[in-house]
Amino acid sequence: MSLLLKASNSHLFLPSSIASMATCSSFCAQLPISFRPIPISSSFPTNQPFKPFSAKASISPANDDGSPITVGFLGLGIMGSPMALNLIKSGCDVTVWNRTKSKCDPLISMGAKYKPSPEEVTAACDVTFAMLADPESAMEVACGKHGAVSGMGPGKGKLKDPTYALVLAGLADKFTWYSTAIPIPRGEVEGIWYVDVSTVDGGTSKLISGHIKASGASFLEAPVSGSKKPAEDGQLIFLTAGDKSLYETVTPFLDIMGKSRFYLGEVGNGAAMKLIVNMIMGSMMATFSEGLLLSEKVGLDPNVLVEVVSKGAISAPMYALKGPSMVKSLYPTAFPLKHQQKDMRLALGLAESVSQPTPISAAANELYKVAKSHGLSDSDFSAVIEALKGKVQS
């Protein structure tokens, strides 16, 4: 996923005056002058992960003149659609694009606008997100013909003054609100900013970064950890690296869609962290699949195994969530198997580049490849268990 931000003078993130009205993508109310807080000291710990508002709270970004900050979203797949919907619910004026236009229709019906190319989206919007499936797609949408970079012409979004983000936090259960002004240093920047939140390898991330910087923009990578349900609930985890001041600037946007965020240093570190996390997850799922099948083979109830595992030191939410469906040979897609195998492949490449042995992950990767050969690419990655069934039956 990618976030493209055109800088504009001193935008504020302002709350919708009525929470229910925030579901309208065109509604972006501005606080009266008398109620605007005075910015606090820059020593405020903005680098700490936090969730500044409840699921029922919303914020509406606006420019100095009260006009809404327009938001673009490129890629409306299993992750992109719910993320774009959360932006709409937060009061953003959203413009969408997807290779298959029909996937845009549900969001258009919710009030989103549509443009026929990434270039036209970035040219029309202040902020553009892109949620893309793989390194090839990320490169094509960012840097290809009519790609996002093509909409980053000179003079789009000149910024000269520090601005502040008004982060609104809500205690929805008591219907009470409080607000904190967080200083957002932006410096003397001209052009627009790009934040790549796709899961790609470090080499691809650095290549995209080079194209973005050549256009005069700053770059931040921020791949997400989480699948369909966390995307729907605004509970994603962002693993960011690159321009630190840009990270501090875009955190309010990340907090609309996520529960946590980490800044990891130089470009490539975010990509590496995401690949390592998914390598661990893929290996865990392969081993869990072996355990379910072995328990059944020796006459145990695999449902009881799921319960036993959930009570002990090796408990993980993934096991409790996926286990009962796996026992029934059902694999509703939250994270496609083809994407898990792609991440395993990229993680193994990363390990090879630093001569780190990863024999367990390498073996797990082979199981995902077998599952893909069985036509399970678009099933949930928990369908890797089917590859083991094939081996048992043979």
Protein backbone atom coordinates (compact mmCIF):
# COMPACT_ATOMS: atom_id res chain seq x y z
CA MET A 1 0.00 0.00 0.00
CA SER A 2 1.27 3.47 -0.74
CA LEU A 3 0.50 6.95 0.57
CA LEU A 4 1.17 9.92 -1.64
CA LEU A 5 0.88 13.29 0.09
CA LYS A 6 0.96 16.66 -1.63
CA ALA A 7 2.22 19.23 0.82
CA SER A 8 0.03 22.29 1.33
CA ASN A 9 0.36 25.15 3.77
CA SER A 10 -0.60 24.37 7.36
CA HIS A 11 -3.34 21.79 7.06
CA LEU A 12 -5.19 20.81 10.18
CA PHE A 13 -6.91 17.57 11.02
CA LEU A 14 -10.29 18.71 12.26
CA PRO A 15 -13.12 16.70 13.87
CA SER A 16 -16.54 16.25 12.32
CA SER A 17 -19.01 18.07 14.52
CA ILE A 18 -21.35 15.13 14.49
CA ALA A 19 -19.86 11.62 14.39
CA SER A 20 -22.62 10.20 12.24
CA MET A 21 -22.10 12.89 9.62
CA ALA A 22 -18.50 11.74 9.19
CA THR A 23 -19.72 8.82 7.09
CA CYS A 24 -20.34 11.30 4.28
CA SER A 25 -17.14 11.60 2.26
CA SER A 26 -17.77 15.26 1.44
CA PHE A 27 -18.31 16.44 5.04
CA CYS A 28 -15.28 18.11 6.61
CA ALA A 29 -16.31 20.57 9.33
CA GLN A 30 -13.90 23.13 10.80
CA LEU A 31 -13.66 24.06 14.46
CA PRO A 32 -14.50 27.64 15.45
CA ILE A 33 -11.38 29.77 16.00
CA SER A 34 -12.09 30.07 19.72
CA PHE A 35 -11.94 26.30 20.19
CA ARG A 36 -8.65 25.62 18.42
CA PRO A 37 -5.95 24.42 20.83
CA ILE A 38 -2.56 26.05 21.15
CA PRO A 39 0.18 23.70 19.91
CA ILE A 40 2.16 22.05 22.67
CA SER A 41 5.90 21.65 22.87
CA SER A 42 7.67 19.66 20.16
CA SER A 43 8.93 17.36 22.94
CA PHE A 44 5.61 15.51 22.75
CA PRO A 45 6.57 11.83 22.09
CA THR A 46 5.14 11.54 18.58
CA ASN A 47 7.43 8.60 17.85
CA GLN A 48 5.50 6.33 20.21
CA PRO A 49 2.87 3.99 18.72
CA PHE A 50 -0.60 5.04 19.83
CA LYS A 51 -4.24 4.90 18.81
CA PRO A 52 -5.48 8.46 19.30
CA PHE A 53 -9.18 7.79 18.91
CA SER A 54 -11.69 5.03 19.37
CA ALA A 55 -13.31 3.06 16.58
CA LYS A 56 -16.35 5.32 16.80
CA ALA A 57 -14.36 8.57 16.70
CA SER A 58 -13.46 10.29 13.47
CA ILE A 59 -11.25 13.07 12.20
CA SER A 60 -11.71 15.22 9.13
CA PRO A 61 -8.60 16.68 7.51
CA ALA A 62 -8.96 20.23 6.20
CA ASN A 63 -6.81 22.96 4.69
CA ASP A 64 -6.44 26.43 6.23
CA ASP A 65 -9.34 27.76 4.19
CA GLY A 66 -11.64 25.02 5.48
CA SER A 67 -11.65 23.04 2.25
CA PRO A 68 -11.25 19.27 2.74
CA ILE A 69 -7.95 17.56 2.00
CA THR A 70 -8.78 15.27 -0.91
CA VAL A 71 -7.65 11.66 -0.69
CA GLY A 72 -6.86 9.20 -3.49
CA PHE A 73 -6.78 5.43 -3.14
CA LEU A 74 -5.19 3.12 -5.71
CA GLY A 75 -5.91 -0.60 -5.51
CA LEU A 76 -9.16 -1.90 -4.04
CA GLY A 77 -8.43 -5.52 -3.29
CA ILE A 78 -9.00 -7.49 -0.11
CA MET A 79 -7.07 -4.89 1.92
CA GLY A 80 -7.54 -1.71 -0.08
CA SER A 81 -11.33 -1.66 -0.06
CA PRO A 82 -11.82 -1.69 3.72
CA MET A 83 -8.97 0.76 4.20
CA ALA A 84 -10.49 3.19 1.71
CA LEU A 85 -13.85 2.75 3.41
CA ASN A 86 -12.31 3.72 6.75
CA LEU A 87 -10.99 6.90 5.17
CA ILE A 88 -14.48 7.71 3.88
CA LYS A 89 -15.95 7.05 7.33
CA SER A 90 -13.36 9.40 8.80
CA GLY A 91 -14.81 12.22 6.72
CA CYS A 92 -12.32 12.22 3.84
CA ASP A 93 -13.19 13.21 0.29
CA VAL A 94 -11.94 10.07 -1.50
CA THR A 95 -11.12 9.44 -5.17
CA VAL A 96 -10.48 5.81 -6.15
CA TRP A 97 -8.83 3.81 -8.94
CA ASN A 98 -8.51 0.10 -9.60
CA ARG A 99 -7.52 -1.90 -12.68
CA THR A 100 -10.97 -3.50 -12.61
CA LYS A 101 -13.36 -0.57 -12.30
CA SER A 102 -16.19 -2.70 -10.92
CA LYS A 103 -14.27 -2.97 -7.62
CA CYS A 104 -14.58 0.80 -7.30
CA ASP A 105 -18.37 0.75 -7.55
CA PRO A 106 -19.20 -0.05 -3.88
CA LEU A 107 -17.06 2.85 -2.71
CA ILE A 108 -18.43 5.14 -5.40
CA SER A 109 -21.88 4.32 -4.02
CA MET A 110 -20.59 5.48 -0.61
CA GLY A 111 -19.60 8.84 -2.08
CA ALA A 112 -16.15 8.25 -3.53
CA LYS A 113 -15.12 9.79 -6.87
CA TYR A 114 -13.38 7.86 -9.66
CA LYS A 115 -10.44 8.57 -11.98
CA PRO A 116 -9.31 6.25 -14.81
CA SER A 117 -5.55 6.25 -14.03
CA PRO A 118 -3.16 6.57 -11.08
CA GLU A 119 -1.72 9.69 -12.69
CA GLU A 120 -5.11 11.40 -12.72
CA VAL A 121 -5.78 10.43 -9.11
CA THR A 122 -2.49 11.85 -7.83
CA ALA A 123 -2.95 14.99 -9.92
CA ALA A 124 -6.42 15.54 -8.47
CA CYS A 125 -5.81 14.67 -4.82
CA ASP A 126 -3.77 16.01 -1.91
CA VAL A 127 -3.13 12.53 -0.51
CA THR A 128 -3.06 9.27 -2.48
CA PHE A 129 -2.84 5.79 -0.98
CA ALA A 130 -2.05 2.70 -3.02
CA MET A 131 -2.50 -0.86 -1.77
CA LEU A 132 -0.74 -3.15 -4.25
CA ALA A 133 -0.17 -6.89 -4.32
CA ASP A 134 3.49 -7.35 -5.23
CA PRO A 135 6.73 -5.58 -6.20
CA GLU A 136 5.86 -5.57 -9.90
CA SER A 137 2.49 -3.90 -9.31
CA ALA A 138 4.00 -1.41 -6.88
CA MET A 139 6.60 -0.36 -9.47
CA GLU A 140 4.10 -0.17 -12.34
CA VAL A 141 1.52 1.89 -10.46
CA ALA A 142 4.13 4.23 -9.00
CA CYS A 143 6.53 4.65 -11.91
CA GLY A 144 4.95 3.16 -15.05
CA LYS A 145 3.08 4.83 -17.89
CA HIS A 146 0.33 7.06 -16.43
CA GLY A 147 1.63 6.06 -13.00
CA ALA A 148 1.49 8.03 -9.78
CA VAL A 149 4.82 9.79 -10.37
CA SER A 150 3.42 11.27 -13.58
CA GLY A 151 0.94 13.24 -11.47
CA MET A 152 3.72 14.78 -9.39
CA GLY A 153 4.49 17.74 -11.65
CA PRO A 154 6.69 20.62 -10.44
CA GLY A 155 5.03 23.10 -8.09
CA LYS A 156 2.32 20.73 -6.85
CA GLY A 157 2.07 21.40 -3.15
CA LYS A 158 4.71 23.84 -1.94
CA LEU A 159 5.23 23.87 1.83
CA LYS A 160 7.24 26.42 3.76
CA ASP A 161 5.91 26.49 7.33
CA PRO A 162 5.59 23.91 10.10
CA THR A 163 2.01 22.77 10.60
CA TYR A 164 0.10 21.05 13.32
CA ALA A 165 -2.18 18.06 13.33
CA LEU A 166 -5.19 18.13 15.60
CA VAL A 167 -5.59 14.53 16.73
CA LEU A 168 -9.04 13.95 18.12
CA ALA A 169 -9.54 11.15 20.62
CA GLY A 170 -12.97 9.91 21.67
CA LEU A 171 -14.26 7.90 24.58
CA ALA A 172 -17.20 6.54 22.61
CA ASP A 173 -18.74 4.67 25.51
CA LYS A 174 -19.17 7.95 27.46
CA PHE A 175 -19.63 10.20 24.43
CA THR A 176 -16.88 12.52 25.68
CA TRP A 177 -14.05 14.02 23.67
CA TYR A 178 -10.62 15.49 24.22
CA SER A 179 -8.01 16.79 21.82
CA THR A 180 -4.25 17.27 21.69
CA ALA A 181 -2.34 19.41 19.22
CA ILE A 182 0.77 17.61 17.98
CA PRO A 183 3.46 19.66 16.23
CA ILE A 184 4.22 18.32 12.76
CA PRO A 185 7.57 19.70 11.50
CA ARG A 186 7.72 19.74 7.72
CA GLY A 187 10.52 22.13 6.88
CA GLU A 188 11.25 23.77 3.57
CA VAL A 189 9.81 21.10 1.28
CA GLU A 190 8.52 21.51 -2.24
CA GLY A 191 6.64 18.91 -4.22
CA ILE A 192 4.70 15.95 -2.86
CA TRP A 193 5.40 13.03 -0.55
CA TYR A 194 5.11 9.32 -1.22
CA VAL A 195 4.65 6.58 1.34
CA ASP A 196 4.80 3.03 -0.02
CA VAL A 197 2.81 0.66 2.15
CA SER A 198 2.93 -2.34 -0.17
CA THR A 199 4.76 -5.51 0.87
CA VAL A 200 7.83 -5.49 -1.37
CA ASP A 201 11.49 -6.40 -1.07
CA GLY A 202 14.01 -3.79 0.06
CA GLY A 203 15.51 -3.47 -3.42
CA THR A 204 12.16 -2.56 -4.94
CA SER A 205 11.45 -0.11 -2.13
CA LYS A 206 14.79 1.64 -2.72
CA LEU A 207 14.16 1.75 -6.46
CA ILE A 208 10.75 3.38 -5.97
CA SER A 209 12.33 5.74 -3.47
CA GLY A 210 14.86 6.82 -6.09
CA HIS A 211 12.12 7.63 -8.62
CA ILE A 212 10.12 9.54 -6.02
CA LYS A 213 13.10 11.57 -4.82
CA ALA A 214 14.08 12.34 -8.43
CA SER A 215 10.68 14.04 -8.78
CA GLY A 216 11.50 16.30 -5.83
CA ALA A 217 9.34 14.47 -3.29
CA SER A 218 10.26 12.78 0.00
CA PHE A 219 9.81 9.05 0.56
CA LEU A 220 8.65 6.77 3.37
CA GLU A 221 7.98 3.04 3.21
CA ALA A 222 5.30 1.69 5.54
CA PRO A 223 4.22 -1.89 4.81
CA VAL A 224 1.33 -3.13 6.94
CA SER A 225 1.09 -6.17 9.15
CA GLY A 226 -2.47 -7.45 9.30
CA SER A 227 -5.09 -9.04 7.09
CA LYS A 228 -8.71 -8.43 6.07
CA LYS A 229 -10.33 -8.16 9.52
CA PRO A 230 -7.70 -5.81 11.00
CA ALA A 231 -8.02 -3.69 7.85
CA GLU A 232 -11.79 -3.51 8.34
CA ASP A 233 -11.41 -2.63 12.03
CA GLY A 234 -8.62 -0.08 11.60
CA GLN A 235 -6.23 -2.34 13.52
CA LEU A 236 -3.29 -2.60 11.11
CA ILE A 237 0.37 -2.26 12.16
CA PHE A 238 2.59 0.05 10.08
CA LEU A 239 6.30 -0.72 9.75
CA THR A 240 7.84 2.49 8.48
CA ALA A 241 11.29 3.58 7.35
CA GLY A 242 12.76 6.51 5.44
CA ASP A 243 12.20 10.23 5.89
CA LYS A 244 11.63 10.78 9.64
CA SER A 245 9.91 14.14 9.28
CA LEU A 246 7.54 12.62 6.73
CA TYR A 247 6.76 9.82 9.19
CA GLU A 248 5.84 12.41 11.81
CA THR A 249 3.69 14.23 9.29
CA VAL A 250 1.63 11.28 8.10
CA THR A 251 1.06 9.55 11.43
CA PRO A 252 -2.50 10.94 11.76
CA PHE A 253 -3.38 9.24 8.45
CA LEU A 254 -1.79 5.98 9.60
CA ASP A 255 -3.77 6.18 12.83
CA ILE A 256 -7.05 6.23 10.90
CA MET A 257 -6.21 2.80 9.52
CA GLY A 258 -4.02 1.24 12.19
CA LYS A 259 -3.52 0.56 15.87
CA SER A 260 0.30 0.72 15.97
CA ARG A 261 3.21 2.13 13.99
CA PHE A 262 6.97 1.77 14.20
CA TYR A 263 9.74 3.89 12.73
CA LEU A 264 12.71 1.67 11.78
CA GLY A 265 15.30 3.96 10.20
CA GLU A 266 16.57 3.78 6.62
CA VAL A 267 14.54 2.79 3.56
CA GLY A 268 14.56 -1.00 3.28
CA ASN A 269 14.21 -1.65 7.00
CA GLY A 270 10.41 -1.51 6.89
CA ALA A 271 10.33 -3.96 4.00
CA ALA A 272 12.77 -6.27 5.78
CA MET A 273 10.75 -6.25 9.01
CA LYS A 274 7.53 -7.06 7.17
CA LEU A 275 9.12 -9.95 5.27
CA ILE A 276 10.61 -11.43 8.45
CA VAL A 277 7.25 -11.18 10.25
CA ASN A 278 5.47 -12.94 7.38
CA MET A 279 8.22 -15.57 7.12
CA ILE A 280 7.63 -16.44 10.77
CA MET A 281 3.86 -16.48 10.24
CA GLY A 282 4.10 -18.75 7.20
CA SER A 283 6.33 -21.22 9.05
CA MET A 284 3.99 -21.21 12.05
CA MET A 285 1.00 -22.01 9.85
CA ALA A 286 2.82 -24.88 8.14
CA THR A 287 3.78 -26.43 11.50
CA PHE A 288 0.26 -25.91 12.88
CA SER A 289 -1.12 -27.71 9.81
CA GLU A 290 1.16 -30.67 10.50
CA GLY A 291 -0.07 -30.81 14.08
CA LEU A 292 -3.76 -30.78 13.11
CA LEU A 293 -3.30 -33.61 10.64
CA LEU A 294 -1.12 -35.67 12.98
CA SER A 295 -3.65 -35.35 15.83
CA GLU A 296 -6.39 -36.69 13.57
CA LYS A 297 -4.16 -39.53 12.31
CA VAL A 298 -3.51 -40.81 15.83
CA GLY A 299 -7.19 -40.65 16.79
CA LEU A 300 -7.32 -37.32 18.62
CA ASP A 301 -9.89 -34.59 18.04
CA PRO A 302 -8.10 -31.73 16.23
CA ASN A 303 -10.65 -29.28 17.67
CA VAL A 304 -9.42 -30.21 21.14
CA LEU A 305 -5.84 -29.65 19.94
CA VAL A 306 -6.80 -26.12 18.92
CA GLU A 307 -8.22 -25.52 22.40
CA VAL A 308 -5.19 -27.02 24.15
CA VAL A 309 -2.81 -24.85 22.12
CA SER A 310 -4.86 -21.76 22.92
CA LYS A 311 -4.38 -22.34 26.66
CA GLY A 312 -0.61 -22.69 26.68
CA ALA A 313 2.60 -20.77 26.10
CA ILE A 314 2.44 -21.28 22.33
CA SER A 315 -1.00 -19.71 22.07
CA ALA A 316 -1.41 -17.31 19.15
CA PRO A 317 -4.54 -15.54 17.89
CA MET A 318 -3.90 -17.02 14.43
CA TYR A 319 -4.34 -20.58 15.71
CA ALA A 320 -7.65 -19.88 17.46
CA LEU A 321 -8.93 -17.92 14.46
CA LYS A 322 -7.90 -20.32 11.69
CA GLY A 323 -7.96 -23.70 13.43
CA PRO A 324 -11.71 -24.45 13.57
CA SER A 325 -12.15 -23.67 9.85
CA MET A 326 -9.07 -25.69 8.90
CA VAL A 327 -10.50 -28.74 10.67
CA LYS A 328 -13.56 -28.39 8.41
CA SER A 329 -11.37 -27.88 5.31
CA LEU A 330 -12.72 -24.35 4.92
CA TYR A 331 -10.40 -21.49 4.00
CA PRO A 332 -12.25 -18.14 3.78
CA THR A 333 -9.71 -15.73 2.38
CA ALA A 334 -8.28 -13.12 4.73
CA PHE A 335 -4.72 -13.29 3.39
CA PRO A 336 -4.36 -15.06 0.02
CA LEU A 337 -2.01 -18.03 -0.10
CA LYS A 338 -0.29 -16.65 -3.21
CA HIS A 339 0.72 -13.55 -1.26
CA GLN A 340 2.04 -15.61 1.64
CA GLN A 341 4.19 -17.64 -0.75
CA LYS A 342 5.40 -14.44 -2.41
CA ASP A 343 6.46 -13.08 0.97
CA MET A 344 8.21 -16.36 1.86
CA ARG A 345 10.11 -16.19 -1.42
CA LEU A 346 11.17 -12.59 -0.81
CA ALA A 347 12.16 -13.35 2.79
CA LEU A 348 14.32 -16.28 1.66
CA GLY A 349 15.98 -13.97 -0.85
CA LEU A 350 16.67 -11.49 1.95
CA ALA A 351 18.22 -14.25 4.07
CA GLU A 352 20.38 -15.41 1.20
CA SER A 353 21.66 -11.88 0.63
CA VAL A 354 23.20 -11.88 4.12
CA SER A 355 24.12 -15.62 4.18
CA GLN A 356 21.65 -16.45 6.94
CA PRO A 357 20.45 -20.10 6.87
CA THR A 358 16.63 -20.45 7.02
CA PRO A 359 15.99 -24.18 6.47
CA ILE A 360 12.62 -24.27 8.28
CA SER A 361 11.21 -21.39 6.28
CA ALA A 362 12.62 -22.85 3.08
CA ALA A 363 10.78 -26.12 3.73
CA ALA A 364 7.56 -24.24 4.53
CA ASN A 365 7.88 -22.28 1.30
CA GLU A 366 7.89 -25.54 -0.66
CA LEU A 367 4.54 -26.48 0.90
CA TYR A 368 3.02 -23.18 -0.19
CA LYS A 369 4.30 -23.79 -3.70
CA VAL A 370 2.64 -27.22 -3.71
CA ALA A 371 -0.63 -25.68 -2.48
CA LYS A 372 -0.45 -23.14 -5.32
CA SER A 373 0.00 -25.98 -7.80
CA HIS A 374 -3.23 -27.47 -6.44
CA GLY A 375 -5.15 -24.34 -7.47
CA LEU A 376 -5.28 -22.76 -4.00
CA SER A 377 -3.56 -19.46 -4.80
CA ASP A 378 -6.63 -17.34 -4.04
CA SER A 379 -7.66 -19.31 -0.94
CA ASP A 380 -6.56 -18.22 2.51
CA PHE A 381 -2.96 -19.10 3.34
CA SER A 382 -4.25 -21.62 5.89
CA ALA A 383 -5.10 -23.80 2.87
CA VAL A 384 -1.43 -24.83 2.93
CA ILE A 385 -2.70 -27.76 5.00
CA GLU A 386 -4.04 -29.24 1.76
CA ALA A 387 -0.48 -29.66 0.50
CA LEU A 388 0.21 -31.91 3.48
CA LYS A 389 -2.96 -33.91 2.89
CA GLY A 390 -1.74 -34.60 -0.61
CA LYS A 391 1.56 -35.92 0.71
CA VAL A 392 -0.23 -38.14 3.26
CA GLN A 393 -2.55 -39.55 0.61
CA SER A 394 0.32 -40.29 -1.76
